[in-house]
């Protein structure tokens, strides 16, 4: 099996090194990741300038850095390395839960794989106040999750989140969508000019069975996702209404 690994924290992140080390137990691994942090890049790709792909020294792993987004990295990685079977993204420094999935560059790497007809799995872990996630402690859980998901061949896209403390187990979850945790905060630069920061606010309540709920309960959250954004129940409803109108006024 050929496994391509990317992220949005950059090629030198300890999270991508940890994930690559775990992935080597399942197949041949290559890292293709952004040369700088690309957090919240979402599903963007670079169309206004050319991209470069440069070999980068990572211990025991063939790795390359790209001056682009996670989506760019997956496109380049799967083009330059034929026969990729699986794309992993992460482990991100910081959770990707709820509405954050719309902005996440980490998930974007896995989504780009799914767009190409490949399997994509995104991994994220909360960033503690005193530093980075304990990636060494997460490795056994990452291996367990990866083994479990490789058996679930009918799941093309999965978002995985680790809790802050050692997990109690693994939970299959839905995406928490009730609350949006983003806001814009104004500030002043040293010259007294107004500028704005985009930030997040804590979410107080969570719905049982969702990704946020699982993390709060100390479980690894596994959320199967799909690329089709169509609201099929609403589509069926409006089609029925339109059909009824045509029948009524025929």
C-alpha atoms as a PDB file:
ATOM      1  CA  UNK A   1       0.000   0.000   0.000  1.00  0.00           C
ATOM      2  CA  UNK A   2       1.216   3.507  -0.851  1.00  0.00           C
ATOM      3  CA  UNK A   3       0.314   6.118   1.755  1.00  0.00           C
ATOM      4  CA  UNK A   4       0.675   9.851   1.102  1.00  0.00           C
ATOM      5  CA  UNK A   5       0.742  12.106   4.167  1.00  0.00           C
ATOM      6  CA  UNK A   6       0.127  15.848   4.317  1.00  0.00           C
ATOM      7  CA  UNK A   7      -0.982  18.438   6.885  1.00  0.00           C
ATOM      8  CA  UNK A   8      -1.620  22.161   7.308  1.00  0.00           C
ATOM      9  CA  UNK A   9       0.924  22.806  10.094  1.00  0.00           C
ATOM     10  CA  UNK A  10       3.879  22.504   7.746  1.00  0.00           C
ATOM     11  CA  UNK A  11       6.349  19.792   6.838  1.00  0.00           C
ATOM     12  CA  UNK A  12       8.412  20.218  10.020  1.00  0.00           C
ATOM     13  CA  UNK A  13       5.488  19.713  12.427  1.00  0.00           C
ATOM     14  CA  UNK A  14       6.038  16.949  15.003  1.00  0.00           C
ATOM     15  CA  UNK A  15       2.477  15.796  14.311  1.00  0.00           C
ATOM     16  CA  UNK A  16       3.194  14.793  10.729  1.00  0.00           C
ATOM     17  CA  UNK A  17       6.372  12.988  11.777  1.00  0.00           C
ATOM     18  CA  UNK A  18       4.414  10.982  14.372  1.00  0.00           C
ATOM     19  CA  UNK A  19       1.710  10.061  11.862  1.00  0.00           C
ATOM     20  CA  UNK A  20       4.275   9.053   9.250  1.00  0.00           C
ATOM     21  CA  UNK A  21       6.026   6.784  11.735  1.00  0.00           C
ATOM     22  CA  UNK A  22       2.740   5.038  12.529  1.00  0.00           C
ATOM     23  CA  UNK A  23       1.795   4.756   8.854  1.00  0.00           C
ATOM     24  CA  UNK A  24       5.032   2.934   7.975  1.00  0.00           C
ATOM     25  CA  UNK A  25       3.560  -0.113   9.741  1.00  0.00           C
ATOM     26  CA  UNK A  26       0.844  -0.283   7.101  1.00  0.00           C
ATOM     27  CA  UNK A  27       2.662   0.491   3.867  1.00  0.00           C
ATOM     28  CA  UNK A  28       5.110   2.604   1.907  1.00  0.00           C
ATOM     29  CA  UNK A  29       4.996   6.231   3.085  1.00  0.00           C
ATOM     30  CA  UNK A  30       5.783   9.567   1.498  1.00  0.00           C
ATOM     31  CA  UNK A  31       5.231  13.023   3.046  1.00  0.00           C
ATOM     32  CA  UNK A  32       4.233  15.978   0.860  1.00  0.00           C
ATOM     33  CA  UNK A  33       3.311  18.959   3.011  1.00  0.00           C
ATOM     34  CA  UNK A  34       3.258  22.778   2.953  1.00  0.00           C
ATOM     35  CA  UNK A  35       6.549  24.557   3.533  1.00  0.00           C
ATOM     36  CA  UNK A  36       4.856  26.911   6.028  1.00  0.00           C
ATOM     37  CA  UNK A  37       1.775  26.703   8.228  1.00  0.00           C
ATOM     38  CA  UNK A  38      -1.467  26.804   6.219  1.00  0.00           C
ATOM     39  CA  UNK A  39      -4.034  26.518   9.005  1.00  0.00           C
ATOM     40  CA  UNK A  40      -7.631  27.309   7.989  1.00  0.00           C
ATOM     41  CA  UNK A  41      -6.702  27.193   4.303  1.00  0.00           C
ATOM     42  CA  UNK A  42      -9.791  25.004   3.785  1.00  0.00           C
ATOM     43  CA  UNK A  43     -10.194  23.498   0.308  1.00  0.00           C
ATOM     44  CA  UNK A  44      -8.208  26.195  -1.488  1.00  0.00           C
ATOM     45  CA  UNK A  45      -5.800  25.402  -4.308  1.00  0.00           C
ATOM     46  CA  UNK A  46      -3.186  27.654  -5.911  1.00  0.00           C
ATOM     47  CA  UNK A  47      -4.029  28.761  -9.449  1.00  0.00           C
ATOM     48  CA  UNK A  48      -2.352  32.177  -9.675  1.00  0.00           C
ATOM     49  CA  UNK A  49       1.310  31.079  -9.560  1.00  0.00           C
ATOM     50  CA  UNK A  50       3.446  27.983 -10.119  1.00  0.00           C
ATOM     51  CA  UNK A  51       4.244  25.576  -7.308  1.00  0.00           C
ATOM     52  CA  UNK A  52       7.576  24.080  -6.270  1.00  0.00           C
ATOM     53  CA  UNK A  53       8.186  20.698  -4.670  1.00  0.00           C
ATOM     54  CA  UNK A  54      11.509  20.312  -2.864  1.00  0.00           C
ATOM     55  CA  UNK A  55      12.950  17.292  -1.112  1.00  0.00           C
ATOM     56  CA  UNK A  56      13.098  17.833   2.643  1.00  0.00           C
ATOM     57  CA  UNK A  57      15.092  15.866   5.208  1.00  0.00           C
ATOM     58  CA  UNK A  58      12.891  14.050   7.710  1.00  0.00           C
ATOM     59  CA  UNK A  59      14.353  11.161   9.733  1.00  0.00           C
ATOM     60  CA  UNK A  60      13.545   7.857   8.052  1.00  0.00           C
ATOM     61  CA  UNK A  61      10.815   9.310   5.795  1.00  0.00           C
ATOM     62  CA  UNK A  62      10.898  10.430   2.167  1.00  0.00           C
ATOM     63  CA  UNK A  63       9.482  13.948   2.388  1.00  0.00           C
ATOM     64  CA  UNK A  64       8.866  17.000   0.214  1.00  0.00           C
ATOM     65  CA  UNK A  65       7.769  20.553   0.918  1.00  0.00           C
ATOM     66  CA  UNK A  66       5.438  22.544  -1.332  1.00  0.00           C
ATOM     67  CA  UNK A  67       4.849  26.293  -1.404  1.00  0.00           C
ATOM     68  CA  UNK A  68       1.099  25.778  -1.418  1.00  0.00           C
ATOM     69  CA  UNK A  69      -1.951  24.506   0.424  1.00  0.00           C
ATOM     70  CA  UNK A  70      -2.763  21.014   1.711  1.00  0.00           C
ATOM     71  CA  UNK A  71      -4.941  20.542  -1.377  1.00  0.00           C
ATOM     72  CA  UNK A  72      -1.990  21.474  -3.586  1.00  0.00           C
ATOM     73  CA  UNK A  73       0.191  18.976  -1.741  1.00  0.00           C
ATOM     74  CA  UNK A  74      -2.218  16.114  -2.360  1.00  0.00           C
ATOM     75  CA  UNK A  75      -2.585  17.031  -6.031  1.00  0.00           C
ATOM     76  CA  UNK A  76       1.193  17.170  -6.490  1.00  0.00           C
ATOM     77  CA  UNK A  77       1.866  14.146  -4.313  1.00  0.00           C
ATOM     78  CA  UNK A  78      -0.544  11.891  -6.183  1.00  0.00           C
ATOM     79  CA  UNK A  79       0.724  13.189  -9.543  1.00  0.00           C
ATOM     80  CA  UNK A  80       4.424  12.698  -8.832  1.00  0.00           C
ATOM     81  CA  UNK A  81       3.985   9.410  -6.968  1.00  0.00           C
ATOM     82  CA  UNK A  82       1.776   7.036  -8.894  1.00  0.00           C
ATOM     83  CA  UNK A  83      -0.322   4.354  -7.272  1.00  0.00           C
ATOM     84  CA  UNK A  84      -1.222   6.145  -4.031  1.00  0.00           C
ATOM     85  CA  UNK A  85      -3.939   4.164  -2.202  1.00  0.00           C
ATOM     86  CA  UNK A  86      -4.517   6.278   0.883  1.00  0.00           C
ATOM     87  CA  UNK A  87      -4.016   9.893   1.983  1.00  0.00           C
ATOM     88  CA  UNK A  88      -3.574  10.797   5.651  1.00  0.00           C
ATOM     89  CA  UNK A  89      -3.589  14.373   6.930  1.00  0.00           C
ATOM     90  CA  UNK A  90      -2.262  15.529  10.315  1.00  0.00           C
ATOM     91  CA  UNK A  91      -1.803  14.961  13.116  1.00  0.00           C
ATOM     92  CA  UNK A  92      -2.980  18.565  13.425  1.00  0.00           C
ATOM     93  CA  UNK A  93      -1.969  20.656  16.424  1.00  0.00           C
ATOM     94  CA  UNK A  94      -5.472  21.654  17.474  1.00  0.00           C
ATOM     95  CA  UNK A  95      -8.855  19.952  17.223  1.00  0.00           C
ATOM     96  CA  UNK A  96     -11.047  20.074  14.126  1.00  0.00           C
ATOM     97  CA  UNK A  97     -14.607  19.716  15.381  1.00  0.00           C
ATOM     98  CA  UNK A  98     -18.050  20.943  14.431  1.00  0.00           C
ATOM     99  CA  UNK A  99     -18.156  23.922  12.110  1.00  0.00           C
ATOM    100  CA  UNK A 100     -14.349  24.066  12.055  1.00  0.00           C
ATOM    101  CA  UNK A 101     -14.528  21.331   9.433  1.00  0.00           C
ATOM    102  CA  UNK A 102     -15.542  23.973   6.880  1.00  0.00           C
ATOM    103  CA  UNK A 103     -12.298  25.905   7.440  1.00  0.00           C
ATOM    104  CA  UNK A 104      -9.882  23.100   8.280  1.00  0.00           C
ATOM    105  CA  UNK A 105      -6.795  22.770   6.125  1.00  0.00           C
ATOM    106  CA  UNK A 106      -6.131  19.410   7.767  1.00  0.00           C
ATOM    107  CA  UNK A 107      -9.455  17.997   6.646  1.00  0.00           C
ATOM    108  CA  UNK A 108      -8.938  19.613   3.230  1.00  0.00           C
ATOM    109  CA  UNK A 109      -5.994  17.307   2.574  1.00  0.00           C
ATOM    110  CA  UNK A 110      -8.186  14.265   3.183  1.00  0.00           C
ATOM    111  CA  UNK A 111     -11.074  15.784   1.211  1.00  0.00           C
ATOM    112  CA  UNK A 112      -8.810  16.367  -1.779  1.00  0.00           C
ATOM    113  CA  UNK A 113      -7.998  12.670  -1.723  1.00  0.00           C
ATOM    114  CA  UNK A 114     -11.694  11.808  -1.727  1.00  0.00           C
ATOM    115  CA  UNK A 115     -12.232  14.199  -4.646  1.00  0.00           C
ATOM    116  CA  UNK A 116      -9.614  12.192  -6.547  1.00  0.00           C
ATOM    117  CA  UNK A 117     -11.380   8.923  -5.796  1.00  0.00           C
ATOM    118  CA  UNK A 118      -8.929   7.907  -3.061  1.00  0.00           C
ATOM    119  CA  UNK A 119      -9.487   7.334   0.633  1.00  0.00           C
ATOM    120  CA  UNK A 120      -8.719  10.245   2.960  1.00  0.00           C
ATOM    121  CA  UNK A 121      -8.388  10.318   6.750  1.00  0.00           C
ATOM    122  CA  UNK A 122      -7.726  13.474   8.788  1.00  0.00           C
ATOM    123  CA  UNK A 123      -6.221  13.345  12.303  1.00  0.00           C
ATOM    124  CA  UNK A 124      -6.295  16.150  14.887  1.00  0.00           C
ATOM    125  CA  UNK A 125      -5.428  16.549  18.558  1.00  0.00           C
ATOM    126  CA  UNK A 126      -6.154  19.443  20.957  1.00  0.00           C
ATOM    127  CA  UNK A 127      -3.282  21.776  21.723  1.00  0.00           C
ATOM    128  CA  UNK A 128      -2.758  22.173  25.489  1.00  0.00           C
ATOM    129  CA  UNK A 129      -2.010  25.572  26.987  1.00  0.00           C
ATOM    130  CA  UNK A 130       1.509  24.502  27.971  1.00  0.00           C
ATOM    131  CA  UNK A 131       2.670  23.225  24.594  1.00  0.00           C
ATOM    132  CA  UNK A 132       1.990  20.630  21.905  1.00  0.00           C
ATOM    133  CA  UNK A 133      -0.039  17.411  22.075  1.00  0.00           C
ATOM    134  CA  UNK A 134       1.793  14.376  23.435  1.00  0.00           C
ATOM    135  CA  UNK A 135       2.281  12.706  20.069  1.00  0.00           C
ATOM    136  CA  UNK A 136       4.260   9.765  21.434  1.00  0.00           C
ATOM    137  CA  UNK A 137       1.346   8.866  23.694  1.00  0.00           C
ATOM    138  CA  UNK A 138      -1.072   9.202  20.780  1.00  0.00           C
ATOM    139  CA  UNK A 139       0.841   6.865  18.454  1.00  0.00           C
ATOM    140  CA  UNK A 140      -0.694   3.603  19.754  1.00  0.00           C
ATOM    141  CA  UNK A 141      -4.178   5.102  19.404  1.00  0.00           C
ATOM    142  CA  UNK A 142      -3.393   6.390  15.917  1.00  0.00           C
ATOM    143  CA  UNK A 143      -2.276   2.884  14.958  1.00  0.00           C
ATOM    144  CA  UNK A 144      -5.473   1.362  16.408  1.00  0.00           C
ATOM    145  CA  UNK A 145      -7.666   3.867  14.592  1.00  0.00           C
ATOM    146  CA  UNK A 146      -5.835   3.432  11.308  1.00  0.00           C
ATOM    147  CA  UNK A 147      -6.123  -0.363  11.498  1.00  0.00           C
ATOM    148  CA  UNK A 148      -9.843  -0.041  12.230  1.00  0.00           C
ATOM    149  CA  UNK A 149     -10.478   2.373   9.364  1.00  0.00           C
ATOM    150  CA  UNK A 150      -8.476   0.382   6.847  1.00  0.00           C
ATOM    151  CA  UNK A 151     -10.933  -2.469   7.443  1.00  0.00           C
ATOM    152  CA  UNK A 152     -13.888  -0.121   6.803  1.00  0.00           C
ATOM    153  CA  UNK A 153     -13.334   0.033   3.058  1.00  0.00           C
ATOM    154  CA  UNK A 154     -16.726   1.655   2.417  1.00  0.00           C
ATOM    155  CA  UNK A 155     -15.734   4.880   4.221  1.00  0.00           C
ATOM    156  CA  UNK A 156     -13.917   7.151   1.743  1.00  0.00           C
ATOM    157  CA  UNK A 157     -13.539  10.165   4.081  1.00  0.00           C
ATOM    158  CA  UNK A 158     -13.204  10.173   7.882  1.00  0.00           C
ATOM    159  CA  UNK A 159     -12.367  12.922  10.367  1.00  0.00           C
ATOM    160  CA  UNK A 160     -10.544  11.705  13.490  1.00  0.00           C
ATOM    161  CA  UNK A 161     -10.074  13.735  16.680  1.00  0.00           C
ATOM    162  CA  UNK A 162      -8.159  12.678  19.782  1.00  0.00           C
ATOM    163  CA  UNK A 163      -9.145  13.924  23.262  1.00  0.00           C
ATOM    164  CA  UNK A 164      -6.802  15.952  25.457  1.00  0.00           C
ATOM    165  CA  UNK A 165      -6.268  13.103  27.935  1.00  0.00           C
ATOM    166  CA  UNK A 166      -5.618   9.403  27.285  1.00  0.00           C
ATOM    167  CA  UNK A 167      -8.781   8.103  25.592  1.00  0.00           C
ATOM    168  CA  UNK A 168     -11.369   5.801  27.175  1.00  0.00           C
ATOM    169  CA  UNK A 169     -12.064   4.272  23.790  1.00  0.00           C
ATOM    170  CA  UNK A 170     -13.340   5.065  20.304  1.00  0.00           C
ATOM    171  CA  UNK A 171     -16.726   6.520  19.339  1.00  0.00           C
ATOM    172  CA  UNK A 172     -18.421   6.887  15.960  1.00  0.00           C
ATOM    173  CA  UNK A 173     -19.857  10.393  15.841  1.00  0.00           C
ATOM    174  CA  UNK A 174     -21.681  12.990  13.776  1.00  0.00           C
ATOM    175  CA  UNK A 175     -20.476  16.517  13.106  1.00  0.00           C
ATOM    176  CA  UNK A 176     -21.618  19.028  15.700  1.00  0.00           C
ATOM    177  CA  UNK A 177     -23.394  21.778  13.774  1.00  0.00           C
ATOM    178  CA  UNK A 178     -25.594  23.604  16.293  1.00  0.00           C
ATOM    179  CA  UNK A 179     -23.100  26.250  17.331  1.00  0.00           C
ATOM    180  CA  UNK A 180     -20.631  28.354  15.338  1.00  0.00           C
ATOM    181  CA  UNK A 181     -17.531  29.174  17.361  1.00  0.00           C
ATOM    182  CA  UNK A 182     -15.925  31.874  15.199  1.00  0.00           C
ATOM    183  CA  UNK A 183     -15.958  35.628  15.672  1.00  0.00           C
ATOM    184  CA  UNK A 184     -14.079  38.769  14.623  1.00  0.00           C
ATOM    185  CA  UNK A 185     -12.306  40.807  17.332  1.00  0.00           C
ATOM    186  CA  UNK A 186     -11.102  44.380  16.646  1.00  0.00           C
ATOM    187  CA  UNK A 187      -7.759  45.650  17.938  1.00  0.00           C
ATOM    188  CA  UNK A 188      -5.158  48.381  17.440  1.00  0.00           C
ATOM    189  CA  UNK A 189      -1.721  48.118  15.871  1.00  0.00           C
ATOM    190  CA  UNK A 190       1.297  50.041  17.294  1.00  0.00           C
ATOM    191  CA  UNK A 191       0.374  53.024  15.087  1.00  0.00           C
ATOM    192  CA  UNK A 192      -3.110  53.188  16.549  1.00  0.00           C
ATOM    193  CA  UNK A 193      -4.793  51.867  13.411  1.00  0.00           C
ATOM    194  CA  UNK A 194      -7.726  49.496  13.745  1.00  0.00           C
ATOM    195  CA  UNK A 195      -7.214  45.935  12.625  1.00  0.00           C
ATOM    196  CA  UNK A 196      -9.196  42.722  13.089  1.00  0.00           C
ATOM    197  CA  UNK A 197      -8.433  39.214  14.288  1.00  0.00           C
ATOM    198  CA  UNK A 198     -10.475  36.156  13.461  1.00  0.00           C
ATOM    199  CA  UNK A 199     -10.715  33.970  16.546  1.00  0.00           C
ATOM    200  CA  UNK A 200     -12.800  31.268  18.176  1.00  0.00           C
ATOM    201  CA  UNK A 201     -14.998  31.318  21.253  1.00  0.00           C
ATOM    202  CA  UNK A 202     -15.732  28.373  23.582  1.00  0.00           C
ATOM    203  CA  UNK A 203     -18.849  26.328  22.912  1.00  0.00           C
ATOM    204  CA  UNK A 204     -20.791  25.717  26.131  1.00  0.00           C
ATOM    205  CA  UNK A 205     -23.242  23.014  25.065  1.00  0.00           C
ATOM    206  CA  UNK A 206     -22.771  19.938  22.912  1.00  0.00           C
ATOM    207  CA  UNK A 207     -25.187  17.416  21.466  1.00  0.00           C
ATOM    208  CA  UNK A 208     -24.800  13.788  22.529  1.00  0.00           C
ATOM    209  CA  UNK A 209     -23.278  11.592  19.867  1.00  0.00           C
ATOM    210  CA  UNK A 210     -21.412  14.407  18.130  1.00  0.00           C
ATOM    211  CA  UNK A 211     -17.682  14.904  17.704  1.00  0.00           C
ATOM    212  CA  UNK A 212     -17.507  17.605  20.393  1.00  0.00           C
ATOM    213  CA  UNK A 213     -19.430  15.445  22.832  1.00  0.00           C
ATOM    214  CA  UNK A 214     -17.129  12.463  22.279  1.00  0.00           C
ATOM    215  CA  UNK A 215     -14.016  14.549  22.916  1.00  0.00           C
ATOM    216  CA  UNK A 216     -15.518  15.967  26.112  1.00  0.00           C
ATOM    217  CA  UNK A 217     -16.265  12.418  27.273  1.00  0.00           C
ATOM    218  CA  UNK A 218     -12.681  11.326  26.591  1.00  0.00           C
ATOM    219  CA  UNK A 219     -13.206   9.276  23.438  1.00  0.00           C
ATOM    220  CA  UNK A 220     -11.439   9.294  20.102  1.00  0.00           C
ATOM    221  CA  UNK A 221     -14.019  10.707  17.683  1.00  0.00           C
ATOM    222  CA  UNK A 222     -14.428   9.080  14.252  1.00  0.00           C
ATOM    223  CA  UNK A 223     -16.765  11.023  11.949  1.00  0.00           C
ATOM    224  CA  UNK A 224     -17.563   9.615   8.498  1.00  0.00           C
ATOM    225  CA  UNK A 225     -18.030  12.448   5.991  1.00  0.00           C
ATOM    226  CA  UNK A 226     -19.202  12.842   2.402  1.00  0.00           C
ATOM    227  CA  UNK A 227     -18.437  15.278  -0.402  1.00  0.00           C
ATOM    228  CA  UNK A 228     -22.044  15.710  -1.567  1.00  0.00           C
ATOM    229  CA  UNK A 229     -23.361  18.919   0.062  1.00  0.00           C
ATOM    230  CA  UNK A 230     -26.834  18.472  -1.384  1.00  0.00           C
ATOM    231  CA  UNK A 231     -29.666  18.576   1.168  1.00  0.00           C
ATOM    232  CA  UNK A 232     -31.466  15.580  -0.320  1.00  0.00           C
ATOM    233  CA  UNK A 233     -34.586  15.674   1.945  1.00  0.00           C
ATOM    234  CA  UNK A 234     -35.124  19.374   1.096  1.00  0.00           C
ATOM    235  CA  UNK A 235     -34.514  18.668  -2.586  1.00  0.00           C
ATOM    236  CA  UNK A 236     -37.138  15.910  -2.538  1.00  0.00           C
ATOM    237  CA  UNK A 237     -39.585  18.288  -0.813  1.00  0.00           C
ATOM    238  CA  UNK A 238     -39.244  21.117  -3.327  1.00  0.00           C
ATOM    239  CA  UNK A 239     -39.459  18.673  -6.229  1.00  0.00           C
ATOM    240  CA  UNK A 240     -42.720  17.299  -4.836  1.00  0.00           C
ATOM    241  CA  UNK A 241     -44.083  20.838  -4.398  1.00  0.00           C
ATOM    242  CA  UNK A 242     -43.178  21.758  -7.955  1.00  0.00           C
ATOM    243  CA  UNK A 243     -44.709  18.546  -9.292  1.00  0.00           C
ATOM    244  CA  UNK A 244     -47.918  19.250  -7.345  1.00  0.00           C
ATOM    245  CA  UNK A 245     -48.109  22.787  -8.729  1.00  0.00           C
ATOM    246  CA  UNK A 246     -47.747  21.526 -12.294  1.00  0.00           C
ATOM    247  CA  UNK A 247     -50.429  18.915 -11.700  1.00  0.00           C
ATOM    248  CA  UNK A 248     -52.777  21.436 -10.025  1.00  0.00           C
ATOM    249  CA  UNK A 249     -52.559  24.026 -12.795  1.00  0.00           C
ATOM    250  CA  UNK A 250     -52.353  21.659 -15.741  1.00  0.00           C
END
